Amino acid sequence: MTGRKLPERRPRHQGRVVTQRVRVPEHIIAERRRSLARLLAEKRYLPVRKICSLLGVSESTARRDLAALEKERVVTRTYGGAITEFDERFPSFAERELKAAAAKLVIAQKAAALAHPGETIYFDVGTTVNAIAREIARNCPRPLRAVTCSLPAAETLSQAEGVEVHMTGGQLVPRQSALFGAAAREALQKWHFNRAFVSAEGFDHQGVWNTSADLVALQRLMLSCSEIIHVCADASKAGRRAAALLFTWQEADDLISDLTSQEAAKLGFRVSLR
């Protein structure tokens, strides 16, 4: 065979830029998804854009990672983001009761001073509202009628003479120590409240935020049954958002908090602060 030169073959894509997809190693993908799971466990809710910013990935990559974690039942995807499996990862009532105890006492004393004899009051779920129930059971004028889906609040109020306690019924959510679901919503519709003490996972200039879909559904129904809405949340929840906007400040009467008026002004809140 002679050293004859073979004719040069032209590339099929000559004149076009051909991009070659680089395959990311499986161990890097796995570590990135573990990081995402840890972030969601800590924050409980993250929008896709925030995930992209924190992990330095594209939206398509973030959505693939979320789909993979949802398949493993680590998270639940929402419109534009994801939350951790709520009841499994949500801190227990006992764990949450230890946090911001001094602030909750301040809120409880302010809230209890608003109650009047003969009123029908709705007590929401959560440790802050339970602190209010404890203060009202100890110091509030009688008689009162209390309605709640919270087991701890019902037990606390039932020990006070002159307080008539009603529970909504519904399905027990253990780590919330509360009753949610269709039965709770149906029961709530039969009531009219003079005032409601409402909890929140977070609040900002836009309004009040919570994660649990069942809780949000019950709280939104409670809005239509109540004359006065008191949002009860300590300063650590300021500027925080969760999966769902419960209501805007136009729908609430005031915020009972240890947050100062100066701190509220810096955050851009336009709400009556107690």
C-alpha atoms as a PDB file:
ATOM      1  CA  MET A   1       0.000   0.000   0.000  1.00  0.00           C
ATOM      2  CA  THR A   2       1.404   3.359  -1.020  1.00  0.00           C
ATOM      3  CA  GLY A   3       1.430   6.458   1.172  1.00  0.00           C
ATOM      4  CA  ARG A   4      -1.381   7.955  -0.905  1.00  0.00           C
ATOM      5  CA  LYS A   5      -3.275  10.643   1.001  1.00  0.00           C
ATOM      6  CA  LEU A   6      -6.980   9.895   1.518  1.00  0.00           C
ATOM      7  CA  PRO A   7      -9.464  12.674   0.706  1.00  0.00           C
ATOM      8  CA  GLU A   8     -10.264  14.852   3.700  1.00  0.00           C
ATOM      9  CA  ARG A   9     -13.770  14.292   5.110  1.00  0.00           C
ATOM     10  CA  ARG A  10     -15.658  17.430   6.039  1.00  0.00           C
ATOM     11  CA  PRO A  11     -17.412  17.566   9.398  1.00  0.00           C
ATOM     12  CA  ARG A  12     -21.150  17.093   8.970  1.00  0.00           C
ATOM     13  CA  HIS A  13     -21.887  20.250  11.024  1.00  0.00           C
ATOM     14  CA  GLN A  14     -19.384  22.553   9.349  1.00  0.00           C
ATOM     15  CA  GLY A  15     -20.466  26.168   9.661  1.00  0.00           C
ATOM     16  CA  ARG A  16     -22.488  25.502  12.826  1.00  0.00           C
ATOM     17  CA  VAL A  17     -21.457  25.671  16.479  1.00  0.00           C
ATOM     18  CA  VAL A  18     -22.043  22.236  17.964  1.00  0.00           C
ATOM     19  CA  THR A  19     -22.372  22.191  21.748  1.00  0.00           C
ATOM     20  CA  GLN A  20     -21.603  18.984  23.501  1.00  0.00           C
ATOM     21  CA  ARG A  21     -23.511  18.224  26.694  1.00  0.00           C
ATOM     22  CA  VAL A  22     -21.207  17.541  29.616  1.00  0.00           C
ATOM     23  CA  ARG A  23     -22.452  14.746  31.814  1.00  0.00           C
ATOM     24  CA  VAL A  24     -22.306  15.670  35.515  1.00  0.00           C
ATOM     25  CA  PRO A  25     -20.989  12.793  37.661  1.00  0.00           C
ATOM     26  CA  GLU A  26     -23.653  11.015  39.733  1.00  0.00           C
ATOM     27  CA  HIS A  27     -21.902  11.707  43.059  1.00  0.00           C
ATOM     28  CA  ILE A  28     -22.011  15.475  42.398  1.00  0.00           C
ATOM     29  CA  ILE A  29     -25.743  15.324  41.585  1.00  0.00           C
ATOM     30  CA  ALA A  30     -26.382  13.275  44.740  1.00  0.00           C
ATOM     31  CA  GLU A  31     -24.469  15.732  46.928  1.00  0.00           C
ATOM     32  CA  ARG A  32     -26.289  18.711  45.387  1.00  0.00           C
ATOM     33  CA  ARG A  33     -29.651  17.064  46.118  1.00  0.00           C
ATOM     34  CA  ARG A  34     -28.610  16.325  49.689  1.00  0.00           C
ATOM     35  CA  SER A  35     -27.719  20.028  50.058  1.00  0.00           C
ATOM     36  CA  LEU A  36     -31.121  20.982  48.681  1.00  0.00           C
ATOM     37  CA  ALA A  37     -32.865  18.596  51.080  1.00  0.00           C
ATOM     38  CA  ARG A  38     -30.929  20.110  54.010  1.00  0.00           C
ATOM     39  CA  LEU A  39     -31.865  23.650  52.937  1.00  0.00           C
ATOM     40  CA  LEU A  40     -35.539  22.723  52.712  1.00  0.00           C
ATOM     41  CA  ALA A  41     -35.428  20.957  56.078  1.00  0.00           C
ATOM     42  CA  GLU A  42     -34.045  24.174  57.585  1.00  0.00           C
ATOM     43  CA  LYS A  43     -36.241  26.698  55.732  1.00  0.00           C
ATOM     44  CA  ARG A  44     -39.281  24.403  55.210  1.00  0.00           C
ATOM     45  CA  TYR A  45     -40.155  26.354  52.042  1.00  0.00           C
ATOM     46  CA  LEU A  46     -38.052  27.731  49.183  1.00  0.00           C
ATOM     47  CA  PRO A  47     -39.082  29.223  45.825  1.00  0.00           C
ATOM     48  CA  VAL A  48     -37.260  27.904  42.745  1.00  0.00           C
ATOM     49  CA  ARG A  49     -35.442  31.198  42.146  1.00  0.00           C
ATOM     50  CA  LYS A  50     -34.028  31.112  45.669  1.00  0.00           C
ATOM     51  CA  ILE A  51     -32.881  27.497  45.163  1.00  0.00           C
ATOM     52  CA  CYS A  52     -31.080  28.550  41.969  1.00  0.00           C
ATOM     53  CA  SER A  53     -29.363  31.395  43.812  1.00  0.00           C
ATOM     54  CA  LEU A  54     -28.296  29.300  46.811  1.00  0.00           C
ATOM     55  CA  LEU A  55     -27.024  26.315  44.821  1.00  0.00           C
ATOM     56  CA  GLY A  56     -25.789  28.144  41.703  1.00  0.00           C
ATOM     57  CA  VAL A  57     -27.890  26.076  39.304  1.00  0.00           C
ATOM     58  CA  SER A  58     -30.312  26.770  36.464  1.00  0.00           C
ATOM     59  CA  GLU A  59     -34.096  26.598  36.886  1.00  0.00           C
ATOM     60  CA  SER A  60     -34.275  23.389  34.846  1.00  0.00           C
ATOM     61  CA  THR A  61     -31.663  21.741  37.097  1.00  0.00           C
ATOM     62  CA  ALA A  62     -33.463  22.926  40.226  1.00  0.00           C
ATOM     63  CA  ARG A  63     -36.754  21.513  38.952  1.00  0.00           C
ATOM     64  CA  ARG A  64     -35.132  18.140  38.098  1.00  0.00           C
ATOM     65  CA  ASP A  65     -33.659  17.974  41.603  1.00  0.00           C
ATOM     66  CA  LEU A  66     -37.017  18.829  43.166  1.00  0.00           C
ATOM     67  CA  ALA A  67     -38.745  16.162  41.064  1.00  0.00           C
ATOM     68  CA  ALA A  68     -36.184  13.604  42.245  1.00  0.00           C
ATOM     69  CA  LEU A  69     -36.643  14.580  45.912  1.00  0.00           C
ATOM     70  CA  GLU A  70     -40.426  14.494  45.535  1.00  0.00           C
ATOM     71  CA  LYS A  71     -40.169  10.968  44.126  1.00  0.00           C
ATOM     72  CA  GLU A  72     -38.215  10.005  47.262  1.00  0.00           C
ATOM     73  CA  ARG A  73     -40.992  11.658  49.373  1.00  0.00           C
ATOM     74  CA  VAL A  74     -38.512  14.126  50.863  1.00  0.00           C
ATOM     75  CA  VAL A  75     -40.380  17.229  49.648  1.00  0.00           C
ATOM     76  CA  THR A  76     -43.714  18.310  48.243  1.00  0.00           C
ATOM     77  CA  ARG A  77     -43.544  20.569  45.200  1.00  0.00           C
ATOM     78  CA  THR A  78     -45.691  23.689  45.171  1.00  0.00           C
ATOM     79  CA  TYR A  79     -46.369  26.321  42.536  1.00  0.00           C
ATOM     80  CA  GLY A  80     -42.953  27.925  42.016  1.00  0.00           C
ATOM     81  CA  GLY A  81     -41.146  26.086  44.813  1.00  0.00           C
ATOM     82  CA  ALA A  82     -41.185  23.238  47.333  1.00  0.00           C
ATOM     83  CA  ILE A  83     -41.833  22.470  50.998  1.00  0.00           C
ATOM     84  CA  THR A  84     -40.610  19.640  53.196  1.00  0.00           C
ATOM     85  CA  GLU A  85     -43.071  16.918  54.165  1.00  0.00           C
ATOM     86  CA  PHE A  86     -44.905  19.063  56.689  1.00  0.00           C
ATOM     87  CA  ASP A  87     -45.967  16.960  59.663  1.00  0.00           C
ATOM     88  CA  GLU A  88     -42.923  14.663  59.599  1.00  0.00           C
ATOM     89  CA  ARG A  89     -40.376  17.496  59.634  1.00  0.00           C
ATOM     90  CA  PHE A  90     -42.273  20.230  61.455  1.00  0.00           C
ATOM     91  CA  PRO A  91     -40.885  20.710  65.005  1.00  0.00           C
ATOM     92  CA  SER A  92     -43.148  19.215  67.665  1.00  0.00           C
ATOM     93  CA  PHE A  93     -45.337  21.416  69.884  1.00  0.00           C
ATOM     94  CA  ALA A  94     -43.035  20.774  72.870  1.00  0.00           C
ATOM     95  CA  GLU A  95     -39.943  21.746  70.830  1.00  0.00           C
ATOM     96  CA  ARG A  96     -41.536  24.987  69.612  1.00  0.00           C
ATOM     97  CA  GLU A  97     -42.842  25.967  73.043  1.00  0.00           C
ATOM     98  CA  LEU A  98     -39.274  26.441  74.277  1.00  0.00           C
ATOM     99  CA  LYS A  99     -38.456  29.016  71.598  1.00  0.00           C
ATOM    100  CA  ALA A 100     -38.925  32.773  72.225  1.00  0.00           C
ATOM    101  CA  ALA A 101     -40.724  32.063  75.527  1.00  0.00           C
ATOM    102  CA  ALA A 102     -40.222  35.612  76.873  1.00  0.00           C
ATOM    103  CA  ALA A 103     -41.604  37.156  73.664  1.00  0.00           C
ATOM    104  CA  LYS A 104     -44.635  34.849  73.779  1.00  0.00           C
ATOM    105  CA  LEU A 105     -45.391  35.957  77.336  1.00  0.00           C
ATOM    106  CA  VAL A 106     -45.302  39.628  76.253  1.00  0.00           C
ATOM    107  CA  ILE A 107     -47.673  38.835  73.367  1.00  0.00           C
ATOM    108  CA  ALA A 108     -49.966  36.802  75.648  1.00  0.00           C
ATOM    109  CA  GLN A 109     -50.315  39.649  78.157  1.00  0.00           C
ATOM    110  CA  LYS A 110     -51.120  42.164  75.411  1.00  0.00           C
ATOM    111  CA  ALA A 111     -53.680  39.818  73.819  1.00  0.00           C
ATOM    112  CA  ALA A 112     -55.411  38.807  77.055  1.00  0.00           C
ATOM    113  CA  ALA A 113     -56.049  42.483  77.867  1.00  0.00           C
ATOM    114  CA  LEU A 114     -58.221  42.735  74.735  1.00  0.00           C
ATOM    115  CA  ALA A 115     -60.753  40.060  75.725  1.00  0.00           C
ATOM    116  CA  HIS A 116     -64.105  41.170  77.172  1.00  0.00           C
ATOM    117  CA  PRO A 117     -66.684  39.251  79.226  1.00  0.00           C
ATOM    118  CA  GLY A 118     -69.333  37.498  77.131  1.00  0.00           C
ATOM    119  CA  GLU A 119     -67.202  37.272  73.971  1.00  0.00           C
ATOM    120  CA  THR A 120     -66.837  34.258  71.708  1.00  0.00           C
ATOM    121  CA  ILE A 121     -63.140  33.956  70.800  1.00  0.00           C
ATOM    122  CA  TYR A 122     -61.337  31.732  68.305  1.00  0.00           C
ATOM    123  CA  PHE A 123     -57.944  30.380  69.387  1.00  0.00           C
ATOM    124  CA  ASP A 124     -55.738  29.268  66.500  1.00  0.00           C
ATOM    125  CA  VAL A 125     -53.030  26.579  66.635  1.00  0.00           C
ATOM    126  CA  GLY A 126     -49.480  27.154  67.838  1.00  0.00           C
ATOM    127  CA  THR A 127     -47.444  27.862  70.934  1.00  0.00           C
ATOM    128  CA  THR A 128     -47.945  31.644  70.848  1.00  0.00           C
ATOM    129  CA  VAL A 129     -51.730  31.307  70.858  1.00  0.00           C
ATOM    130  CA  ASN A 130     -51.457  28.656  73.572  1.00  0.00           C
ATOM    131  CA  ALA A 131     -49.538  31.195  75.674  1.00  0.00           C
ATOM    132  CA  ILE A 132     -52.476  33.590  75.130  1.00  0.00           C
ATOM    133  CA  ALA A 133     -54.915  30.854  76.208  1.00  0.00           C
ATOM    134  CA  ARG A 134     -52.854  30.310  79.372  1.00  0.00           C
ATOM    135  CA  GLU A 135     -52.877  34.028  80.211  1.00  0.00           C
ATOM    136  CA  ILE A 136     -56.621  34.338  79.555  1.00  0.00           C
ATOM    137  CA  ALA A 137     -57.347  31.255  81.687  1.00  0.00           C
ATOM    138  CA  ARG A 138     -55.369  32.863  84.511  1.00  0.00           C
ATOM    139  CA  ASN A 139     -56.447  36.509  84.381  1.00  0.00           C
ATOM    140  CA  CYS A 140     -59.307  37.179  81.967  1.00  0.00           C
ATOM    141  CA  PRO A 141     -62.788  38.419  83.017  1.00  0.00           C
ATOM    142  CA  ARG A 142     -65.593  35.860  82.766  1.00  0.00           C
ATOM    143  CA  PRO A 143     -67.706  34.468  81.181  1.00  0.00           C
ATOM    144  CA  LEU A 144     -66.080  33.596  77.867  1.00  0.00           C
ATOM    145  CA  ARG A 145     -66.758  31.135  75.083  1.00  0.00           C
ATOM    146  CA  ALA A 146     -63.632  29.686  73.433  1.00  0.00           C
ATOM    147  CA  VAL A 147     -63.525  27.766  70.141  1.00  0.00           C
ATOM    148  CA  THR A 148     -60.334  26.084  68.927  1.00  0.00           C
ATOM    149  CA  CYS A 149     -58.807  23.333  66.801  1.00  0.00           C
ATOM    150  CA  SER A 150     -55.767  23.247  69.117  1.00  0.00           C
ATOM    151  CA  LEU A 151     -55.618  20.452  71.695  1.00  0.00           C
ATOM    152  CA  PRO A 152     -53.226  22.293  74.073  1.00  0.00           C
ATOM    153  CA  ALA A 153     -55.346  25.478  73.964  1.00  0.00           C
ATOM    154  CA  ALA A 154     -58.529  23.505  74.660  1.00  0.00           C
ATOM    155  CA  GLU A 155     -56.917  21.737  77.626  1.00  0.00           C
ATOM    156  CA  THR A 156     -55.507  24.997  79.018  1.00  0.00           C
ATOM    157  CA  LEU A 157     -58.800  26.902  78.741  1.00  0.00           C
ATOM    158  CA  SER A 158     -60.896  24.022  80.091  1.00  0.00           C
ATOM    159  CA  GLN A 159     -59.177  24.397  83.471  1.00  0.00           C
ATOM    160  CA  ALA A 160     -60.498  27.942  83.912  1.00  0.00           C
ATOM    161  CA  GLU A 161     -63.817  28.476  85.642  1.00  0.00           C
ATOM    162  CA  GLY A 162     -66.279  30.481  83.552  1.00  0.00           C
ATOM    163  CA  VAL A 163     -64.720  29.582  80.184  1.00  0.00           C
ATOM    164  CA  GLU A 164     -66.892  27.413  77.937  1.00  0.00           C
ATOM    165  CA  VAL A 165     -64.666  25.457  75.530  1.00  0.00           C
ATOM    166  CA  HIS A 166     -65.650  24.035  72.136  1.00  0.00           C
ATOM    167  CA  MET A 167     -63.438  22.055  69.728  1.00  0.00           C
ATOM    168  CA  THR A 168     -63.911  21.983  65.970  1.00  0.00           C
ATOM    169  CA  GLY A 169     -63.351  18.250  65.451  1.00  0.00           C
ATOM    170  CA  GLY A 170     -61.408  16.947  62.454  1.00  0.00           C
ATOM    171  CA  GLN A 171     -58.310  14.843  61.808  1.00  0.00           C
ATOM    172  CA  LEU A 172     -55.484  14.977  64.346  1.00  0.00           C
ATOM    173  CA  VAL A 173     -52.126  16.240  63.050  1.00  0.00           C
ATOM    174  CA  PRO A 174     -49.780  15.036  65.819  1.00  0.00           C
ATOM    175  CA  ARG A 175     -46.809  17.415  65.590  1.00  0.00           C
ATOM    176  CA  GLN A 176     -49.158  20.384  65.338  1.00  0.00           C
ATOM    177  CA  SER A 177     -51.330  19.045  68.216  1.00  0.00           C
ATOM    178  CA  ALA A 178     -54.308  20.238  66.194  1.00  0.00           C
ATOM    179  CA  LEU A 179     -57.421  19.077  64.339  1.00  0.00           C
ATOM    180  CA  PHE A 180     -57.609  19.886  60.623  1.00  0.00           C
ATOM    181  CA  GLY A 181     -59.535  18.735  57.555  1.00  0.00           C
ATOM    182  CA  ALA A 182     -63.064  18.933  56.157  1.00  0.00           C
ATOM    183  CA  ALA A 183     -64.777  18.233  59.483  1.00  0.00           C
ATOM    184  CA  ALA A 184     -62.923  21.116  61.154  1.00  0.00           C
ATOM    185  CA  ARG A 185     -63.854  23.506  58.328  1.00  0.00           C
ATOM    186  CA  GLU A 186     -67.501  22.414  58.399  1.00  0.00           C
ATOM    187  CA  ALA A 187     -67.697  22.972  62.168  1.00  0.00           C
ATOM    188  CA  LEU A 188     -66.055  26.397  61.929  1.00  0.00           C
ATOM    189  CA  GLN A 189     -68.676  27.689  59.495  1.00  0.00           C
ATOM    190  CA  LYS A 190     -71.337  27.433  62.210  1.00  0.00           C
ATOM    191  CA  TRP A 191     -69.645  29.973  64.451  1.00  0.00           C
ATOM    192  CA  HIS A 192     -69.392  33.754  64.655  1.00  0.00           C
ATOM    193  CA  PHE A 193     -66.421  35.148  66.624  1.00  0.00           C
ATOM    194  CA  ASN A 194     -66.031  38.526  68.283  1.00  0.00           C
ATOM    195  CA  ARG A 195     -62.267  38.181  67.813  1.00  0.00           C
ATOM    196  CA  ALA A 196     -59.701  35.620  66.673  1.00  0.00           C
ATOM    197  CA  PHE A 197     -56.122  35.137  67.824  1.00  0.00           C
ATOM    198  CA  VAL A 198     -54.250  33.884  64.738  1.00  0.00           C
ATOM    199  CA  SER A 199     -50.787  32.318  64.465  1.00  0.00           C
ATOM    200  CA  ALA A 200     -48.284  32.540  61.598  1.00  0.00           C
ATOM    201  CA  GLU A 201     -45.020  30.986  60.434  1.00  0.00           C
ATOM    202  CA  GLY A 202     -43.901  34.307  59.067  1.00  0.00           C
ATOM    203  CA  PHE A 203     -44.993  37.822  58.174  1.00  0.00           C
ATOM    204  CA  ASP A 204     -43.633  40.614  56.000  1.00  0.00           C
ATOM    205  CA  HIS A 205     -44.777  43.858  54.366  1.00  0.00           C
ATOM    206  CA  GLN A 206     -47.134  41.883  52.097  1.00  0.00           C
ATOM    207  CA  GLY A 207     -48.978  39.950  54.774  1.00  0.00           C
ATOM    208  CA  VAL A 208     -49.108  36.768  56.852  1.00  0.00           C
ATOM    209  CA  TRP A 209     -47.680  33.404  55.738  1.00  0.00           C
ATOM    210  CA  ASN A 210     -48.157  29.739  56.657  1.00  0.00           C
ATOM    211  CA  THR A 211     -47.105  26.395  55.183  1.00  0.00           C
ATOM    212  CA  SER A 212     -49.656  23.676  55.980  1.00  0.00           C
ATOM    213  CA  ALA A 213     -52.375  23.601  53.310  1.00  0.00           C
ATOM    214  CA  ASP A 214     -54.958  22.300  55.812  1.00  0.00           C
ATOM    215  CA  LEU A 215     -54.145  25.049  58.313  1.00  0.00           C
ATOM    216  CA  VAL A 216     -54.276  27.759  55.647  1.00  0.00           C
ATOM    217  CA  ALA A 217     -57.702  26.510  54.447  1.00  0.00           C
ATOM    218  CA  LEU A 218     -59.028  26.612  58.028  1.00  0.00           C
ATOM    219  CA  GLN A 219     -57.545  30.046  58.747  1.00  0.00           C
ATOM    220  CA  ARG A 220     -58.980  31.555  55.567  1.00  0.00           C
ATOM    221  CA  LEU A 221     -62.420  30.276  56.556  1.00  0.00           C
ATOM    222  CA  MET A 222     -61.948  31.742  60.028  1.00  0.00           C
ATOM    223  CA  LEU A 223     -61.478  35.189  58.436  1.00  0.00           C
ATOM    224  CA  SER A 224     -65.077  35.187  57.233  1.00  0.00           C
ATOM    225  CA  CYS A 225     -66.365  34.178  60.695  1.00  0.00           C
ATOM    226  CA  SER A 226     -64.525  36.807  62.788  1.00  0.00           C
ATOM    227  CA  GLU A 227     -65.210  40.478  63.523  1.00  0.00           C
ATOM    228  CA  ILE A 228     -61.636  41.240  64.660  1.00  0.00           C
ATOM    229  CA  ILE A 229     -58.433  39.473  63.508  1.00  0.00           C
ATOM    230  CA  HIS A 230     -55.374  39.682  65.759  1.00  0.00           C
ATOM    231  CA  VAL A 231     -52.171  38.295  64.190  1.00  0.00           C
ATOM    232  CA  CYS A 232     -49.986  36.971  67.021  1.00  0.00           C
ATOM    233  CA  ALA A 233     -46.313  36.434  66.176  1.00  0.00           C
ATOM    234  CA  ASP A 234     -42.952  37.243  67.741  1.00  0.00           C
ATOM    235  CA  ALA A 235     -40.206  39.341  66.133  1.00  0.00           C
ATOM    236  CA  SER A 236     -38.178  36.304  64.974  1.00  0.00           C
ATOM    237  CA  LYS A 237     -40.880  35.668  62.347  1.00  0.00           C
ATOM    238  CA  ALA A 238     -40.632  39.160  60.840  1.00  0.00           C
ATOM    239  CA  GLY A 239     -39.541  39.206  57.202  1.00  0.00           C
ATOM    240  CA  ARG A 240     -40.104  35.448  56.807  1.00  0.00           C
ATOM    241  CA  ARG A 241     -42.305  33.820  54.183  1.00  0.00           C
ATOM    242  CA  ALA A 242     -43.769  30.333  53.914  1.00  0.00           C
ATOM    243  CA  ALA A 243     -45.506  28.402  51.124  1.00  0.00           C
ATOM    244  CA  ALA A 244     -48.834  30.259  51.179  1.00  0.00           C
ATOM    245  CA  LEU A 245     -49.887  33.870  51.708  1.00  0.00           C
ATOM    246  CA  LEU A 246     -52.662  33.523  54.265  1.00  0.00           C
ATOM    247  CA  PHE A 247     -53.940  37.097  54.014  1.00  0.00           C
ATOM    248  CA  THR A 248     -52.742  40.650  53.445  1.00  0.00           C
ATOM    249  CA  TRP A 249     -52.604  43.299  56.170  1.00  0.00           C
ATOM    250  CA  GLN A 250     -55.788  44.887  54.809  1.00  0.00           C
ATOM    251  CA  GLU A 251     -57.643  41.789  56.056  1.00  0.00           C
ATOM    252  CA  ALA A 252     -56.165  41.897  59.589  1.00  0.00           C
ATOM    253  CA  ASP A 253     -56.941  44.398  62.336  1.00  0.00           C
ATOM    254  CA  ASP A 254     -53.564  44.422  64.049  1.00  0.00           C
ATOM    255  CA  LEU A 255     -50.321  42.622  64.859  1.00  0.00           C
ATOM    256  CA  ILE A 256     -49.666  41.636  68.473  1.00  0.00           C
ATOM    257  CA  SER A 257     -45.905  41.209  68.780  1.00  0.00           C
ATOM    258  CA  ASP A 258     -42.753  42.055  70.677  1.00  0.00           C
ATOM    259  CA  LEU A 259     -41.626  43.816  67.476  1.00  0.00           C
ATOM    260  CA  THR A 260     -41.035  47.545  68.061  1.00  0.00           C
ATOM    261  CA  SER A 261     -42.637  50.242  65.905  1.00  0.00           C
ATOM    262  CA  GLN A 262     -39.148  51.257  64.680  1.00  0.00           C
ATOM    263  CA  GLU A 263     -38.387  47.682  63.582  1.00  0.00           C
ATOM    264  CA  ALA A 264     -41.768  47.444  61.857  1.00  0.00           C
ATOM    265  CA  ALA A 265     -41.142  50.730  60.004  1.00  0.00           C
ATOM    266  CA  LYS A 266     -37.746  49.485  58.772  1.00  0.00           C
ATOM    267  CA  LEU A 267     -39.401  46.369  57.360  1.00  0.00           C
ATOM    268  CA  GLY A 268     -42.068  48.442  55.626  1.00  0.00           C
ATOM    269  CA  PHE A 269     -45.075  47.139  57.584  1.00  0.00           C
ATOM    270  CA  ARG A 270     -48.254  49.144  57.311  1.00  0.00           C
ATOM    271  CA  VAL A 271     -50.215  47.599  60.164  1.00  0.00           C
ATOM    272  CA  SER A 272     -51.550  48.587  63.564  1.00  0.00           C
ATOM    273  CA  LEU A 273     -48.979  47.283  66.038  1.00  0.00           C
ATOM    274  CA  ARG A 274     -49.785  46.415  69.650  1.00  0.00           C
END
